[in-house]
Amino acid sequence: AKERDWLLQASADRLRQFGVPASELARLERTGTVQHDIT
């Protein structure tokens, strides 16, 4: 369980380090689909 939580947190942190806007993270969370072109 700890490993699953760590993997989820690590991928979320990597997206933030890429500068992905909070709106895109919220969309990803809401829809569960990958956005190929980011604004």
PDB file of all heavy atoms in Angstrom:
ATOM      1  N   ALA A   1       0.832  -1.201   0.000  1.00  0.00           N
ATOM      2  CA  ALA A   1       0.000   0.000   0.000  1.00  0.00           C
ATOM      3  C   ALA A   1       0.867   1.252   0.000  1.00  0.00           C
ATOM      4  O   ALA A   1       0.594   2.215  -0.715  1.00  0.00           O
ATOM      5  CB  ALA A   1      -0.931  -0.002   1.209  1.00  0.00           C
ATOM      6  N   LYS A   2       1.927   1.252   0.794  1.00  0.00           N
ATOM      7  CA  LYS A   2       2.825   2.400   0.848  1.00  0.00           C
ATOM      8  C   LYS A   2       3.502   2.631  -0.500  1.00  0.00           C
ATOM      9  O   LYS A   2       3.687   3.761  -0.946  1.00  0.00           O
ATOM     10  CB  LYS A   2       3.878   2.201   1.935  1.00  0.00           C
ATOM     11  CG  LYS A   2       3.319   2.248   3.350  1.00  0.00           C
ATOM     12  CD  LYS A   2       4.430   2.081   4.375  1.00  0.00           C
ATOM     13  CE  LYS A   2       3.881   2.155   5.793  1.00  0.00           C
ATOM     14  NZ  LYS A   2       4.940   1.986   6.801  1.00  0.00           N
ATOM     15  N   GLU A   3       3.855   1.533  -1.167  1.00  0.00           N
ATOM     16  CA  GLU A   3       4.503   1.654  -2.463  1.00  0.00           C
ATOM     17  C   GLU A   3       3.549   2.236  -3.500  1.00  0.00           C
ATOM     18  O   GLU A   3       3.942   3.080  -4.310  1.00  0.00           O
ATOM     19  CB  GLU A   3       5.003   0.283  -2.933  1.00  0.00           C
ATOM     20  CG  GLU A   3       5.784   0.345  -4.248  1.00  0.00           C
ATOM     21  CD  GLU A   3       6.344  -1.000  -4.641  1.00  0.00           C
ATOM     22  OE1 GLU A   3       6.305  -1.933  -3.815  1.00  0.00           O
ATOM     23  OE2 GLU A   3       6.818  -1.119  -5.777  1.00  0.00           O
ATOM     24  N   ARG A   4       2.271   1.815  -3.460  1.00  0.00           N
ATOM     25  CA  ARG A   4       1.291   2.363  -4.402  1.00  0.00           C
ATOM     26  C   ARG A   4       1.096   3.851  -4.162  1.00  0.00           C
ATOM     27  O   ARG A   4       1.023   4.644  -5.093  1.00  0.00           O
ATOM     28  CB  ARG A   4      -0.028   1.605  -4.274  1.00  0.00           C
ATOM     29  CG  ARG A   4       0.009   0.185  -4.834  1.00  0.00           C
ATOM     30  CD  ARG A   4      -1.394  -0.381  -4.962  1.00  0.00           C
ATOM     31  NE  ARG A   4      -2.040  -0.522  -3.656  1.00  0.00           N
ATOM     32  CZ  ARG A   4      -1.957  -1.609  -2.904  1.00  0.00           C
ATOM     33  NH1 ARG A   4      -1.229  -2.635  -3.303  1.00  0.00           N
ATOM     34  NH2 ARG A   4      -2.595  -1.669  -1.751  1.00  0.00           N
ATOM     35  N   ASP A   5       1.010   4.244  -2.891  1.00  0.00           N
ATOM     36  CA  ASP A   5       0.857   5.667  -2.568  1.00  0.00           C
ATOM     37  C   ASP A   5       2.083   6.460  -3.022  1.00  0.00           C
ATOM     38  O   ASP A   5       1.953   7.577  -3.528  1.00  0.00           O
ATOM     39  CB  ASP A   5       0.648   5.845  -1.058  1.00  0.00           C
ATOM     40  CG  ASP A   5      -0.701   5.300  -0.593  1.00  0.00           C
ATOM     41  OD1 ASP A   5      -1.585   5.108  -1.458  1.00  0.00           O
ATOM     42  OD2 ASP A   5      -0.842   5.064   0.617  1.00  0.00           O
ATOM     43  N   TRP A   6       3.251   5.862  -2.827  1.00  0.00           N
ATOM     44  CA  TRP A   6       4.485   6.544  -3.213  1.00  0.00           C
ATOM     45  C   TRP A   6       4.552   6.733  -4.720  1.00  0.00           C
ATOM     46  O   TRP A   6       4.944   7.796  -5.206  1.00  0.00           O
ATOM     47  CB  TRP A   6       5.686   5.748  -2.735  1.00  0.00           C
ATOM     48  CG  TRP A   6       6.997   6.370  -3.141  1.00  0.00           C
ATOM     49  CD1 TRP A   6       7.677   7.361  -2.492  1.00  0.00           C
ATOM     50  CD2 TRP A   6       7.759   6.080  -4.317  1.00  0.00           C
ATOM     51  NE1 TRP A   6       8.816   7.701  -3.175  1.00  0.00           N
ATOM     52  CE2 TRP A   6       8.890   6.925  -4.304  1.00  0.00           C
ATOM     53  CE3 TRP A   6       7.596   5.175  -5.366  1.00  0.00           C
ATOM     54  CZ2 TRP A   6       9.853   6.899  -5.305  1.00  0.00           C
ATOM     55  CZ3 TRP A   6       8.558   5.151  -6.370  1.00  0.00           C
ATOM     56  CH2 TRP A   6       9.667   5.995  -6.334  1.00  0.00           C
ATOM     57  N   LEU A   7       4.167   5.716  -5.501  1.00  0.00           N
ATOM     58  CA  LEU A   7       4.192   5.826  -6.959  1.00  0.00           C
ATOM     59  C   LEU A   7       3.228   6.896  -7.446  1.00  0.00           C
ATOM     60  O   LEU A   7       3.549   7.669  -8.360  1.00  0.00           O
ATOM     61  CB  LEU A   7       3.839   4.470  -7.586  1.00  0.00           C
ATOM     62  CG  LEU A   7       4.891   3.371  -7.459  1.00  0.00           C
ATOM     63  CD1 LEU A   7       4.345   2.044  -7.968  1.00  0.00           C
ATOM     64  CD2 LEU A   7       6.155   3.761  -8.221  1.00  0.00           C
ATOM     65  N   LEU A   8       2.055   6.973  -6.841  1.00  0.00           N
ATOM     66  CA  LEU A   8       1.079   7.996  -7.223  1.00  0.00           C
ATOM     67  C   LEU A   8       1.612   9.383  -6.913  1.00  0.00           C
ATOM     68  O   LEU A   8       1.530  10.304  -7.742  1.00  0.00           O
ATOM     69  CB  LEU A   8      -0.248   7.757  -6.497  1.00  0.00           C
ATOM     70  CG  LEU A   8      -1.382   8.736  -6.835  1.00  0.00           C
ATOM     71  CD1 LEU A   8      -1.785   8.601  -8.298  1.00  0.00           C
ATOM     72  CD2 LEU A   8      -2.591   8.486  -5.928  1.00  0.00           C
ATOM     73  N   GLN A   9       2.175   9.560  -5.704  1.00  0.00           N
ATOM     74  CA  GLN A   9       2.709  10.861  -5.310  1.00  0.00           C
ATOM     75  C   GLN A   9       3.899  11.258  -6.171  1.00  0.00           C
ATOM     76  O   GLN A   9       4.048  12.423  -6.560  1.00  0.00           O
ATOM     77  CB  GLN A   9       3.114  10.827  -3.842  1.00  0.00           C
ATOM     78  CG  GLN A   9       3.560  12.172  -3.273  1.00  0.00           C
ATOM     79  CD  GLN A   9       2.471  13.208  -3.336  1.00  0.00           C
ATOM     80  OE1 GLN A   9       1.324  12.933  -2.974  1.00  0.00           O
ATOM     81  NE2 GLN A   9       2.792  14.402  -3.818  1.00  0.00           N
ATOM     82  N   ALA A  10       4.761  10.278  -6.515  1.00  0.00           N
ATOM     83  CA  ALA A  10       5.944  10.578  -7.324  1.00  0.00           C
ATOM     84  C   ALA A  10       5.565  11.044  -8.710  1.00  0.00           C
ATOM     85  O   ALA A  10       6.148  12.003  -9.241  1.00  0.00           O
ATOM     86  CB  ALA A  10       6.833   9.341  -7.408  1.00  0.00           C
ATOM     87  N   SER A  11       4.581  10.402  -9.340  1.00  0.00           N
ATOM     88  CA  SER A  11       4.169  10.815 -10.681  1.00  0.00           C
ATOM     89  C   SER A  11       3.483  12.176 -10.644  1.00  0.00           C
ATOM     90  O   SER A  11       3.664  13.004 -11.540  1.00  0.00           O
ATOM     91  CB  SER A  11       3.251   9.765 -11.312  1.00  0.00           C
ATOM     92  OG  SER A  11       2.137   9.488 -10.467  1.00  0.00           O
ATOM     93  N   ALA A  12       2.704  12.458  -9.582  1.00  0.00           N
ATOM     94  CA  ALA A  12       2.075  13.776  -9.442  1.00  0.00           C
ATOM     95  C   ALA A  12       3.134  14.858  -9.253  1.00  0.00           C
ATOM     96  O   ALA A  12       3.051  15.941  -9.845  1.00  0.00           O
ATOM     97  CB  ALA A  12       1.094  13.777  -8.274  1.00  0.00           C
ATOM     98  N   ASP A  13       4.148  14.569  -8.442  1.00  0.00           N
ATOM     99  CA  ASP A  13       5.229  15.537  -8.222  1.00  0.00           C
ATOM    100  C   ASP A  13       5.992  15.796  -9.519  1.00  0.00           C
ATOM    101  O   ASP A  13       6.387  16.931  -9.795  1.00  0.00           O
ATOM    102  CB  ASP A  13       6.197  15.027  -7.150  1.00  0.00           C
ATOM    103  CG  ASP A  13       5.598  15.064  -5.763  1.00  0.00           C
ATOM    104  OD1 ASP A  13       4.570  15.749  -5.577  1.00  0.00           O
ATOM    105  OD2 ASP A  13       6.146  14.393  -4.861  1.00  0.00           O
ATOM    106  N   ARG A  14       6.201  14.741 -10.314  1.00  0.00           N
ATOM    107  CA  ARG A  14       6.923  14.918 -11.573  1.00  0.00           C
ATOM    108  C   ARG A  14       6.140  15.813 -12.531  1.00  0.00           C
ATOM    109  O   ARG A  14       6.715  16.640 -13.231  1.00  0.00           O
ATOM    110  CB  ARG A  14       7.211  13.547 -12.193  1.00  0.00           C
ATOM    111  CG  ARG A  14       8.237  13.584 -13.292  1.00  0.00           C
ATOM    112  CD  ARG A  14       8.972  12.270 -13.449  1.00  0.00           C
ATOM    113  NE  ARG A  14       8.059  11.152 -13.639  1.00  0.00           N
ATOM    114  CZ  ARG A  14       7.890  10.167 -12.755  1.00  0.00           C
ATOM    115  NH1 ARG A  14       8.568  10.170 -11.623  1.00  0.00           N
ATOM    116  NH2 ARG A  14       7.064   9.166 -12.993  1.00  0.00           N
ATOM    117  N   LEU A  15       4.821  15.659 -12.554  1.00  0.00           N
ATOM    118  CA  LEU A  15       3.996  16.526 -13.394  1.00  0.00           C
ATOM    119  C   LEU A  15       4.108  17.986 -12.941  1.00  0.00           C
ATOM    120  O   LEU A  15       4.184  18.900 -13.766  1.00  0.00           O
ATOM    121  CB  LEU A  15       2.539  16.070 -13.352  1.00  0.00           C
ATOM    122  CG  LEU A  15       2.212  14.782 -14.116  1.00  0.00           C
ATOM    123  CD1 LEU A  15       0.792  14.328 -13.834  1.00  0.00           C
ATOM    124  CD2 LEU A  15       2.422  14.967 -15.611  1.00  0.00           C
ATOM    125  N   ARG A  16       4.118  18.197 -11.630  1.00  0.00           N
ATOM    126  CA  ARG A  16       4.252  19.569 -11.119  1.00  0.00           C
ATOM    127  C   ARG A  16       5.621  20.139 -11.458  1.00  0.00           C
ATOM    128  O   ARG A  16       5.746  21.323 -11.790  1.00  0.00           O
ATOM    129  CB  ARG A  16       4.031  19.585  -9.601  1.00  0.00           C
ATOM    130  CG  ARG A  16       2.606  19.226  -9.182  1.00  0.00           C
ATOM    131  CD  ARG A  16       2.399  19.454  -7.693  1.00  0.00           C
ATOM    132  NE  ARG A  16       1.100  18.974  -7.263  1.00  0.00           N
ATOM    133  CZ  ARG A  16       0.882  17.775  -6.736  1.00  0.00           C
ATOM    134  NH1 ARG A  16       1.906  16.952  -6.548  1.00  0.00           N
ATOM    135  NH2 ARG A  16      -0.328  17.407  -6.371  1.00  0.00           N
ATOM    136  N   GLN A  17       6.658  19.302 -11.385  1.00  0.00           N
ATOM    137  CA  GLN A  17       7.999  19.768 -11.729  1.00  0.00           C
ATOM    138  C   GLN A  17       8.110  20.122 -13.209  1.00  0.00           C
ATOM    139  O   GLN A  17       8.902  20.976 -13.593  1.00  0.00           O
ATOM    140  CB  GLN A  17       9.027  18.701 -11.362  1.00  0.00           C
ATOM    141  CG  GLN A  17       9.229  18.536  -9.865  1.00  0.00           C
ATOM    142  CD  GLN A  17       9.999  17.281  -9.502  1.00  0.00           C
ATOM    143  OE1 GLN A  17      10.427  16.538 -10.376  1.00  0.00           O
ATOM    144  NE2 GLN A  17      10.177  17.042  -8.212  1.00  0.00           N
ATOM    145  N   PHE A  18       7.300  19.478 -14.034  1.00  0.00           N
ATOM    146  CA  PHE A  18       7.253  19.809 -15.455  1.00  0.00           C
ATOM    147  C   PHE A  18       6.548  21.143 -15.695  1.00  0.00           C
ATOM    148  O   PHE A  18       6.528  21.642 -16.820  1.00  0.00           O
ATOM    149  CB  PHE A  18       6.532  18.717 -16.244  1.00  0.00           C
ATOM    150  CG  PHE A  18       7.380  17.513 -16.537  1.00  0.00           C
ATOM    151  CD1 PHE A  18       6.802  16.268 -16.691  1.00  0.00           C
ATOM    152  CD2 PHE A  18       8.750  17.617 -16.675  1.00  0.00           C
ATOM    153  CE1 PHE A  18       7.580  15.145 -16.972  1.00  0.00           C
ATOM    154  CE2 PHE A  18       9.538  16.510 -16.956  1.00  0.00           C
ATOM    155  CZ  PHE A  18       8.950  15.274 -17.103  1.00  0.00           C
ATOM    156  N   GLY A  19       5.942  21.716 -14.653  1.00  0.00           N
ATOM    157  CA  GLY A  19       5.227  22.976 -14.809  1.00  0.00           C
ATOM    158  C   GLY A  19       3.813  22.804 -15.312  1.00  0.00           C
ATOM    159  O   GLY A  19       3.216  23.751 -15.846  1.00  0.00           O
ATOM    160  N   VAL A  20       3.249  21.606 -15.167  1.00  0.00           N
ATOM    161  CA  VAL A  20       1.878  21.361 -15.609  1.00  0.00           C
ATOM    162  C   VAL A  20       0.930  22.187 -14.733  1.00  0.00           C
ATOM    163  O   VAL A  20       0.998  22.114 -13.503  1.00  0.00           O
ATOM    164  CB  VAL A  20       1.536  19.861 -15.506  1.00  0.00           C
ATOM    165  CG1 VAL A  20       0.065  19.620 -15.810  1.00  0.00           C
ATOM    166  CG2 VAL A  20       2.418  19.065 -16.456  1.00  0.00           C
ATOM    167  N   PRO A  21       0.045  22.992 -15.344  1.00  0.00           N
ATOM    168  CA  PRO A  21      -0.847  23.841 -14.547  1.00  0.00           C
ATOM    169  C   PRO A  21      -1.775  23.022 -13.655  1.00  0.00           C
ATOM    170  O   PRO A  21      -2.098  21.863 -13.952  1.00  0.00           O
ATOM    171  CB  PRO A  21      -1.654  24.611 -15.609  1.00  0.00           C
ATOM    172  CG  PRO A  21      -0.955  24.400 -16.897  1.00  0.00           C
ATOM    173  CD  PRO A  21      -0.148  23.165 -16.781  1.00  0.00           C
ATOM    174  N   ALA A  22      -2.225  23.635 -12.578  1.00  0.00           N
ATOM    175  CA  ALA A  22      -3.137  22.960 -11.660  1.00  0.00           C
ATOM    176  C   ALA A  22      -4.433  22.567 -12.360  1.00  0.00           C
ATOM    177  O   ALA A  22      -5.044  21.540 -12.042  1.00  0.00           O
ATOM    178  CB  ALA A  22      -3.433  23.862 -10.461  1.00  0.00           C
ATOM    179  N   SER A  23      -4.846  23.391 -13.341  1.00  0.00           N
ATOM    180  CA  SER A  23      -6.080  23.085 -14.082  1.00  0.00           C
ATOM    181  C   SER A  23      -5.945  21.780 -14.856  1.00  0.00           C
ATOM    182  O   SER A  23      -6.902  21.008 -14.977  1.00  0.00           O
ATOM    183  CB  SER A  23      -6.425  24.237 -15.035  1.00  0.00           C
ATOM    184  OG  SER A  23      -5.363  24.473 -15.944  1.00  0.00           O
ATOM    185  N   GLU A  24      -4.752  21.505 -15.405  1.00  0.00           N
ATOM    186  CA  GLU A  24      -4.530  20.266 -16.147  1.00  0.00           C
ATOM    187  C   GLU A  24      -4.500  19.065 -15.196  1.00  0.00           C
ATOM    188  O   GLU A  24      -5.038  17.996 -15.514  1.00  0.00           O
ATOM    189  CB  GLU A  24      -3.219  20.349 -16.932  1.00  0.00           C
ATOM    190  CG  GLU A  24      -2.756  19.054 -17.574  1.00  0.00           C
ATOM    191  CD  GLU A  24      -3.749  18.472 -18.575  1.00  0.00           C
ATOM    192  OE1 GLU A  24      -4.651  19.212 -19.021  1.00  0.00           O
ATOM    193  OE2 GLU A  24      -3.633  17.284 -18.891  1.00  0.00           O
ATOM    194  N   LEU A  25      -3.901  19.241 -14.027  1.00  0.00           N
ATOM    195  CA  LEU A  25      -3.907  18.158 -13.038  1.00  0.00           C
ATOM    196  C   LEU A  25      -5.337  17.845 -12.588  1.00  0.00           C
ATOM    197  O   LEU A  25      -5.698  16.670 -12.421  1.00  0.00           O
ATOM    198  CB  LEU A  25      -3.050  18.544 -11.835  1.00  0.00           C
ATOM    199  CG  LEU A  25      -1.535  18.579 -12.059  1.00  0.00           C
ATOM    200  CD1 LEU A  25      -0.821  19.109 -10.821  1.00  0.00           C
ATOM    201  CD2 LEU A  25      -1.010  17.199 -12.417  1.00  0.00           C
ATOM    202  N   ALA A  26      -6.151  18.898 -12.417  1.00  0.00           N
ATOM    203  CA  ALA A  26      -7.541  18.689 -12.018  1.00  0.00           C
ATOM    204  C   ALA A  26      -8.316  17.972 -13.125  1.00  0.00           C
ATOM    205  O   ALA A  26      -9.147  17.095 -12.854  1.00  0.00           O
ATOM    206  CB  ALA A  26      -8.194  20.026 -11.687  1.00  0.00           C
ATOM    207  N   ARG A  27      -8.037  18.328 -14.386  1.00  0.00           N
ATOM    208  CA  ARG A  27      -8.712  17.672 -15.510  1.00  0.00           C
ATOM    209  C   ARG A  27      -8.321  16.204 -15.589  1.00  0.00           C
ATOM    210  O   ARG A  27      -9.159  15.320 -15.808  1.00  0.00           O
ATOM    211  CB  ARG A  27      -8.346  18.389 -16.816  1.00  0.00           C
ATOM    212  CG  ARG A  27      -9.114  17.891 -18.050  1.00  0.00           C
ATOM    213  CD  ARG A  27      -8.299  18.047 -19.307  1.00  0.00           C
ATOM    214  NE  ARG A  27      -7.059  17.274 -19.260  1.00  0.00           N
ATOM    215  CZ  ARG A  27      -7.000  15.956 -19.480  1.00  0.00           C
ATOM    216  NH1 ARG A  27      -8.103  15.263 -19.749  1.00  0.00           N
ATOM    217  NH2 ARG A  27      -5.836  15.330 -19.406  1.00  0.00           N
ATOM    218  N   LEU A  28      -7.026  15.929 -15.383  1.00  0.00           N
ATOM    219  CA  LEU A  28      -6.535  14.553 -15.405  1.00  0.00           C
ATOM    220  C   LEU A  28      -7.201  13.729 -14.313  1.00  0.00           C
ATOM    221  O   LEU A  28      -7.614  12.585 -14.529  1.00  0.00           O
ATOM    222  CB  LEU A  28      -5.017  14.559 -15.238  1.00  0.00           C
ATOM    223  CG  LEU A  28      -4.284  13.234 -15.379  1.00  0.00           C
ATOM    224  CD1 LEU A  28      -4.394  12.698 -16.804  1.00  0.00           C
ATOM    225  CD2 LEU A  28      -2.803  13.402 -15.006  1.00  0.00           C
ATOM    226  N   GLU A  29      -7.337  14.326 -13.145  1.00  0.00           N
ATOM    227  CA  GLU A  29      -7.971  13.656 -12.007  1.00  0.00           C
ATOM    228  C   GLU A  29      -9.448  13.397 -12.288  1.00  0.00           C
ATOM    229  O   GLU A  29      -9.986  12.332 -11.967  1.00  0.00           O
ATOM    230  CB  GLU A  29      -7.820  14.529 -10.758  1.00  0.00           C
ATOM    231  CG  GLU A  29      -8.395  13.947  -9.484  1.00  0.00           C
ATOM    232  CD  GLU A  29      -7.454  12.957  -8.831  1.00  0.00           C
ATOM    233  OE1 GLU A  29      -6.248  12.964  -9.171  1.00  0.00           O
ATOM    234  OE2 GLU A  29      -7.921  12.179  -7.998  1.00  0.00           O
ATOM    235  N   ARG A  30     -10.092  14.374 -12.921  1.00  0.00           N
ATOM    236  CA  ARG A  30     -11.540  14.300 -13.145  1.00  0.00           C
ATOM    237  C   ARG A  30     -11.912  13.324 -14.268  1.00  0.00           C
ATOM    238  O   ARG A  30     -12.844  12.534 -14.146  1.00  0.00           O
ATOM    239  CB  ARG A  30     -12.076  15.696 -13.465  1.00  0.00           C
ATOM    240  CG  ARG A  30     -13.593  15.771 -13.637  1.00  0.00           C
ATOM    241  CD  ARG A  30     -14.050  17.195 -13.900  1.00  0.00           C
ATOM    242  NE  ARG A  30     -13.568  17.690 -15.189  1.00  0.00           N
ATOM    243  CZ  ARG A  30     -12.580  18.552 -15.347  1.00  0.00           C
ATOM    244  NH1 ARG A  30     -11.942  19.020 -14.284  1.00  0.00           N
ATOM    245  NH2 ARG A  30     -12.208  18.959 -16.550  1.00  0.00           N
ATOM    246  N   THR A  31     -11.182  13.394 -15.381  1.00  0.00           N
ATOM    247  CA  THR A  31     -11.565  12.622 -16.564  1.00  0.00           C
ATOM    248  C   THR A  31     -10.867  11.269 -16.656  1.00  0.00           C
ATOM    249  O   THR A  31     -11.379  10.343 -17.277  1.00  0.00           O
ATOM    250  CB  THR A  31     -11.238  13.412 -17.842  1.00  0.00           C
ATOM    251  OG1 THR A  31      -9.813  13.591 -17.955  1.00  0.00           O
ATOM    252  CG2 THR A  31     -11.911  14.784 -17.807  1.00  0.00           C
ATOM    253  N   GLY A  32      -9.658  11.169 -16.082  1.00  0.00           N
ATOM    254  CA  GLY A  32      -8.915   9.923 -16.187  1.00  0.00           C
ATOM    255  C   GLY A  32      -8.390   9.644 -17.572  1.00  0.00           C
ATOM    256  O   GLY A  32      -8.104   8.494 -17.926  1.00  0.00           O
ATOM    257  N   THR A  33      -8.252  10.675 -18.392  1.00  0.00           N
ATOM    258  CA  THR A  33      -7.742  10.512 -19.751  1.00  0.00           C
ATOM    259  C   THR A  33      -6.518  11.408 -19.962  1.00  0.00           C
ATOM    260  O   THR A  33      -6.446  12.525 -19.427  1.00  0.00           O
ATOM    261  CB  THR A  33      -8.806  10.884 -20.799  1.00  0.00           C
ATOM    262  OG1 THR A  33      -9.218  12.248 -20.593  1.00  0.00           O
ATOM    263  CG2 THR A  33     -10.013   9.982 -20.694  1.00  0.00           C
ATOM    264  N   VAL A  34      -5.588  10.927 -20.759  1.00  0.00           N
ATOM    265  CA  VAL A  34      -4.359  11.670 -21.041  1.00  0.00           C
ATOM    266  C   VAL A  34      -4.639  12.774 -22.054  1.00  0.00           C
ATOM    267  O   VAL A  34      -5.345  12.562 -23.039  1.00  0.00           O
ATOM    268  CB  VAL A  34      -3.276  10.716 -21.585  1.00  0.00           C
ATOM    269  CG1 VAL A  34      -2.070  11.499 -22.084  1.00  0.00           C
ATOM    270  CG2 VAL A  34      -2.863   9.731 -20.510  1.00  0.00           C
ATOM    271  N   GLN A  35      -4.098  13.949 -21.796  1.00  0.00           N
ATOM    272  CA  GLN A  35      -4.190  15.075 -22.735  1.00  0.00           C
ATOM    273  C   GLN A  35      -2.900  15.111 -23.539  1.00  0.00           C
ATOM    274  O   GLN A  35      -1.825  15.354 -22.996  1.00  0.00           O
ATOM    275  CB  GLN A  35      -4.372  16.402 -21.973  1.00  0.00           C
ATOM    276  CG  GLN A  35      -4.500  17.627 -22.849  1.00  0.00           C
ATOM    277  CD  GLN A  35      -5.888  17.764 -23.445  1.00  0.00           C
ATOM    278  OE1 GLN A  35      -6.815  17.082 -23.043  1.00  0.00           O
ATOM    279  NE2 GLN A  35      -6.019  18.635 -24.431  1.00  0.00           N
ATOM    280  N   HIS A  36      -2.993  14.861 -24.844  1.00  0.00           N
ATOM    281  CA  HIS A  36      -1.781  14.778 -25.659  1.00  0.00           C
ATOM    282  C   HIS A  36      -1.161  16.150 -25.920  1.00  0.00           C
ATOM    283  O   HIS A  36       0.055  16.289 -25.956  1.00  0.00           O
ATOM    284  CB  HIS A  36      -2.076  14.073 -26.981  1.00  0.00           C
ATOM    285  CG  HIS A  36      -2.287  12.601 -26.817  1.00  0.00           C
ATOM    286  ND1 HIS A  36      -3.511  12.056 -26.452  1.00  0.00           N
ATOM    287  CD2 HIS A  36      -1.424  11.545 -26.916  1.00  0.00           C
ATOM    288  CE1 HIS A  36      -3.392  10.743 -26.357  1.00  0.00           C
ATOM    289  NE2 HIS A  36      -2.146  10.402 -26.627  1.00  0.00           N
ATOM    290  N   ASP A  37      -1.980  17.169 -26.122  1.00  0.00           N
ATOM    291  CA  ASP A  37      -1.469  18.532 -26.326  1.00  0.00           C
ATOM    292  C   ASP A  37      -1.794  19.359 -25.095  1.00  0.00           C
ATOM    293  O   ASP A  37      -2.964  19.517 -24.737  1.00  0.00           O
ATOM    294  CB  ASP A  37      -2.105  19.192 -27.560  1.00  0.00           C
ATOM    295  CG  ASP A  37      -1.701  18.508 -28.852  1.00  0.00           C
ATOM    296  OD1 ASP A  37      -0.786  17.677 -28.809  1.00  0.00           O
ATOM    297  OD2 ASP A  37      -2.310  18.805 -29.898  1.00  0.00           O
ATOM    298  N   ILE A  38      -0.767  19.892 -24.447  1.00  0.00           N
ATOM    299  CA  ILE A  38      -0.982  20.711 -23.254  1.00  0.00           C
ATOM    300  C   ILE A  38      -0.826  22.181 -23.624  1.00  0.00           C
ATOM    301  O   ILE A  38      -0.003  22.546 -24.475  1.00  0.00           O
ATOM    302  CB  ILE A  38      -0.004  20.322 -22.124  1.00  0.00           C
ATOM    303  CG1 ILE A  38      -0.380  21.039 -20.826  1.00  0.00           C
ATOM    304  CG2 ILE A  38       1.426  20.615 -22.510  1.00  0.00           C
ATOM    305  CD1 ILE A  38       0.391  20.546 -19.626  1.00  0.00           C
ATOM    306  N   THR A  39      -1.637  23.021 -23.005  1.00  0.00           N
ATOM    307  CA  THR A  39      -1.600  24.447 -23.276  1.00  0.00           C
ATOM    308  C   THR A  39      -0.650  25.141 -22.303  1.00  0.00           C
ATOM    309  O   THR A  39      -0.750  24.944 -21.087  1.00  0.00           O
ATOM    310  CB  THR A  39      -3.006  25.067 -23.145  1.00  0.00           C
ATOM    311  OG1 THR A  39      -3.884  24.441 -24.085  1.00  0.00           O
ATOM    312  CG2 THR A  39      -2.962  26.568 -23.427  1.00  0.00           C
TER     313      THR A  39
END
